Amino acid sequence: MKATRSITVRLGAALVAAVLVSACGGDDDTSATTESSAAGSATSSTSEPGATVSVDVYLVDQEAFNVGTAPYVVALERQVPAEDPVTGALDALFAGPTTDEANEGIILVASGATGVGEVTLEDGVARVHLEGGCSSGGSTLSVADEIIPTLRQFEEVDVVKVYDPDGTTGDADGPHDSMPFCLEP
């Protein structure tokens, strides 16, 4: 059963509108709405249900990793719901490779995680809370290596903080990407 997700996006109304117009291809027939709460939280939707946008998800090229030839992750195009491309990209990431991609050695390194729960974006910082387990298994490569580039493709994301299921990360307040101790080698 798929867990319910919540996403809180705190952006200026102009940025939200720009992202929506861009995501919808600027079609004159597409209207965007933005709702804001007193806390400055914005949620957005398009008037076209089922509209999608193209995003990249980053999965592991197992052969490149096995022989030590960087980069170890490769960008793979996916179509995700236009109304929430950030969560859509994470859902697509955790869906893993297609059959053809898997046959070419592309894998999801989930590090014991089964997906993500809460995802927030505020002041350029994306905070992603893993669900399920959290273990690098001693590997130098973890699910954080897939999540971080997947989210950094979005203009509004400057920094990605990955949290374990208990809500901890290595550096919650610093200016750089971080991951929890359980994903360290």
Protein backbone atom coordinates (compact mmCIF):
# COMPACT_ATOMS: atom_id res chain seq x y z
CA MET A 1 0.00 0.00 0.00
CA LYS A 2 1.37 3.41 -0.96
CA ALA A 3 1.95 5.84 1.90
CA THR A 4 0.35 9.27 1.88
CA ARG A 5 2.78 12.07 1.17
CA SER A 6 2.67 15.69 2.08
CA ILE A 7 4.67 18.37 0.39
CA THR A 8 5.04 21.87 1.63
CA VAL A 9 6.43 24.29 -0.85
CA ARG A 10 7.29 27.76 0.37
CA LEU A 11 8.00 29.87 -2.65
CA GLY A 12 7.07 33.31 -3.84
CA ALA A 13 3.89 33.45 -5.87
CA ALA A 14 5.83 34.63 -8.91
CA LEU A 15 8.15 31.61 -8.82
CA VAL A 16 5.24 29.20 -8.45
CA ALA A 17 3.46 30.82 -11.38
CA ALA A 18 6.63 30.71 -13.50
CA VAL A 19 7.18 27.04 -12.74
CA LEU A 20 3.57 26.21 -13.58
CA VAL A 21 3.60 28.14 -16.84
CA SER A 22 6.88 26.46 -17.78
CA ALA A 23 5.62 23.01 -16.77
CA CYS A 24 2.47 23.48 -18.80
CA GLY A 25 4.36 24.65 -21.86
CA GLY A 26 2.94 28.17 -21.64
CA ASP A 27 -0.30 27.07 -23.36
CA ASP A 28 -2.77 29.95 -23.34
CA ASP A 29 -5.58 27.49 -22.52
CA THR A 30 -3.88 26.38 -19.30
CA SER A 31 -4.65 28.30 -16.16
CA ALA A 32 -2.73 27.98 -12.92
CA THR A 33 -3.96 28.63 -9.44
CA THR A 34 -1.96 29.29 -6.31
CA GLU A 35 -3.30 29.11 -2.79
CA SER A 36 -1.35 30.50 0.16
CA SER A 37 -1.86 30.01 3.86
CA ALA A 38 -0.97 32.52 6.54
CA ALA A 39 2.35 30.68 7.07
CA GLY A 40 3.36 31.37 3.46
CA SER A 41 2.88 27.78 2.33
CA ALA A 42 1.84 27.53 -1.31
CA THR A 43 0.16 24.67 -3.07
CA SER A 44 -0.50 24.78 -6.75
CA SER A 45 -2.47 22.95 -9.36
CA THR A 46 -3.25 23.23 -13.04
CA SER A 47 -6.66 23.25 -14.63
CA GLU A 48 -5.68 20.28 -16.79
CA PRO A 49 -5.92 17.10 -14.72
CA GLY A 50 -3.49 14.46 -15.89
CA ALA A 51 -0.99 16.92 -17.42
CA THR A 52 2.59 15.66 -17.21
CA VAL A 53 6.09 17.10 -17.44
CA SER A 54 9.36 15.44 -18.32
CA VAL A 55 11.95 15.09 -15.54
CA ASP A 56 15.13 13.11 -15.04
CA VAL A 57 15.57 10.49 -12.35
CA TYR A 58 19.06 9.35 -11.51
CA LEU A 59 19.62 5.62 -11.10
CA VAL A 60 22.80 3.58 -10.73
CA ASP A 61 24.70 2.13 -13.67
CA GLN A 62 25.80 -1.07 -11.92
CA GLU A 63 28.63 -1.86 -14.33
CA ALA A 64 30.12 1.64 -14.06
CA PHE A 65 30.02 1.35 -10.27
CA ASN A 66 31.48 -2.17 -10.27
CA VAL A 67 34.49 -1.15 -12.35
CA GLY A 68 34.90 2.27 -10.68
CA THR A 69 34.11 4.38 -13.73
CA ALA A 70 32.31 7.55 -12.64
CA PRO A 71 29.68 8.82 -13.02
CA TYR A 72 27.86 5.99 -11.27
CA VAL A 73 24.38 7.45 -11.73
CA VAL A 74 22.71 8.13 -15.05
CA ALA A 75 19.82 10.45 -15.92
CA LEU A 76 16.73 8.69 -17.21
CA GLU A 77 13.71 10.59 -18.50
CA ARG A 78 10.32 10.07 -16.90
CA GLN A 79 6.89 11.68 -17.25
CA VAL A 80 5.44 12.85 -13.92
CA PRO A 81 2.34 14.80 -12.86
CA ALA A 82 2.75 18.50 -13.68
CA GLU A 83 0.99 19.60 -10.49
CA ASP A 84 3.77 18.13 -8.29
CA PRO A 85 6.89 17.28 -10.29
CA VAL A 86 9.16 17.10 -7.22
CA THR A 87 7.15 14.33 -5.56
CA GLY A 88 6.53 12.79 -8.98
CA ALA A 89 10.26 12.59 -9.61
CA LEU A 90 10.84 10.89 -6.25
CA ASP A 91 7.99 8.43 -6.91
CA ALA A 92 9.50 7.67 -10.34
CA LEU A 93 12.93 7.22 -8.75
CA PHE A 94 11.62 4.66 -6.25
CA ALA A 95 9.71 2.87 -9.04
CA GLY A 96 13.18 1.91 -10.27
CA PRO A 97 14.35 1.11 -13.78
CA THR A 98 12.16 -0.05 -16.63
CA THR A 99 12.63 -3.65 -17.77
CA ASP A 100 14.80 -2.49 -20.67
CA GLU A 101 16.92 -0.33 -18.36
CA ALA A 102 17.32 -3.20 -15.88
CA ASN A 103 18.44 -5.43 -18.74
CA GLU A 104 21.15 -2.83 -19.43
CA GLY A 105 22.39 -2.94 -15.82
CA ILE A 106 20.54 0.05 -14.41
CA ILE A 107 19.46 -0.45 -10.78
CA LEU A 108 17.86 1.40 -7.91
CA VAL A 109 20.07 1.42 -4.84
CA ALA A 110 17.32 1.91 -2.26
CA SER A 111 19.54 1.46 0.80
CA GLY A 112 16.64 -0.24 2.58
CA ALA A 113 14.24 2.67 1.97
CA THR A 114 10.84 1.87 0.51
CA GLY A 115 10.07 5.43 -0.57
CA VAL A 116 9.77 8.90 0.85
CA GLY A 117 7.31 10.41 3.29
CA GLU A 118 7.32 14.12 3.90
CA VAL A 119 9.07 16.31 1.33
CA THR A 120 9.46 20.02 2.05
CA LEU A 121 11.01 22.84 0.08
CA GLU A 122 11.79 26.12 1.78
CA ASP A 123 14.33 28.81 0.88
CA GLY A 124 15.98 26.55 -1.69
CA VAL A 125 16.39 23.64 0.75
CA ALA A 126 14.61 20.38 -0.09
CA ARG A 127 14.14 18.07 2.90
CA VAL A 128 13.33 14.45 2.06
CA HIS A 129 12.31 11.96 4.76
CA LEU A 130 12.95 8.32 3.89
CA GLU A 131 10.44 5.60 4.76
CA GLY A 132 11.18 1.98 5.53
CA GLY A 133 14.78 1.15 6.35
CA CYS A 134 18.03 3.02 6.04
CA SER A 135 21.39 1.30 5.58
CA SER A 136 24.28 1.79 3.20
CA GLY A 137 25.31 -1.82 3.80
CA GLY A 138 28.87 -0.51 3.89
CA SER A 139 28.67 0.74 0.30
CA THR A 140 30.08 4.09 -0.75
CA LEU A 141 26.96 4.54 -2.92
CA SER A 142 23.49 5.04 -1.43
CA VAL A 143 20.00 6.19 -2.28
CA ALA A 144 21.13 9.74 -1.40
CA ASP A 145 23.36 9.64 -4.49
CA GLU A 146 20.22 9.15 -6.56
CA ILE A 147 17.90 11.51 -4.67
CA ILE A 148 20.23 14.52 -4.63
CA PRO A 149 20.73 14.91 -8.41
CA THR A 150 17.10 14.00 -9.04
CA LEU A 151 16.03 17.01 -6.94
CA ARG A 152 18.85 19.38 -7.90
CA GLN A 153 17.48 19.52 -11.47
CA PHE A 154 14.66 21.74 -10.21
CA GLU A 155 15.51 25.47 -10.35
CA GLU A 156 14.07 26.10 -6.91
CA VAL A 157 16.28 23.45 -5.23
CA ASP A 158 19.76 24.55 -4.15
CA VAL A 159 20.43 22.07 -1.33
CA VAL A 160 19.04 18.59 -0.55
CA LYS A 161 18.83 17.18 2.98
CA VAL A 162 18.01 13.47 3.17
CA TYR A 163 16.62 12.30 6.53
CA ASP A 164 16.41 8.75 7.89
CA PRO A 165 13.03 7.33 8.97
CA ASP A 166 13.74 8.64 12.51
CA GLY A 167 14.07 12.21 11.21
CA THR A 168 17.83 12.76 11.45
CA THR A 169 20.38 13.89 8.88
CA GLY A 170 24.08 14.67 9.06
CA ASP A 171 23.82 18.46 8.84
CA ALA A 172 20.27 19.76 9.02
CA ASP A 173 21.15 23.47 8.99
CA GLY A 174 24.35 23.72 6.93
CA PRO A 175 24.61 25.18 3.42
CA HIS A 176 25.41 21.83 1.77
CA ASP A 177 23.62 18.60 0.86
CA SER A 178 23.47 16.08 3.69
CA MET A 179 22.45 12.52 4.40
CA PRO A 180 21.90 10.55 7.60
CA PHE A 181 24.60 8.49 9.28
CA CYS A 182 22.87 5.26 8.21
CA LEU A 183 23.76 6.04 4.58
CA GLU A 184 27.45 6.59 5.28
CA PRO A 185 29.78 3.71 4.26
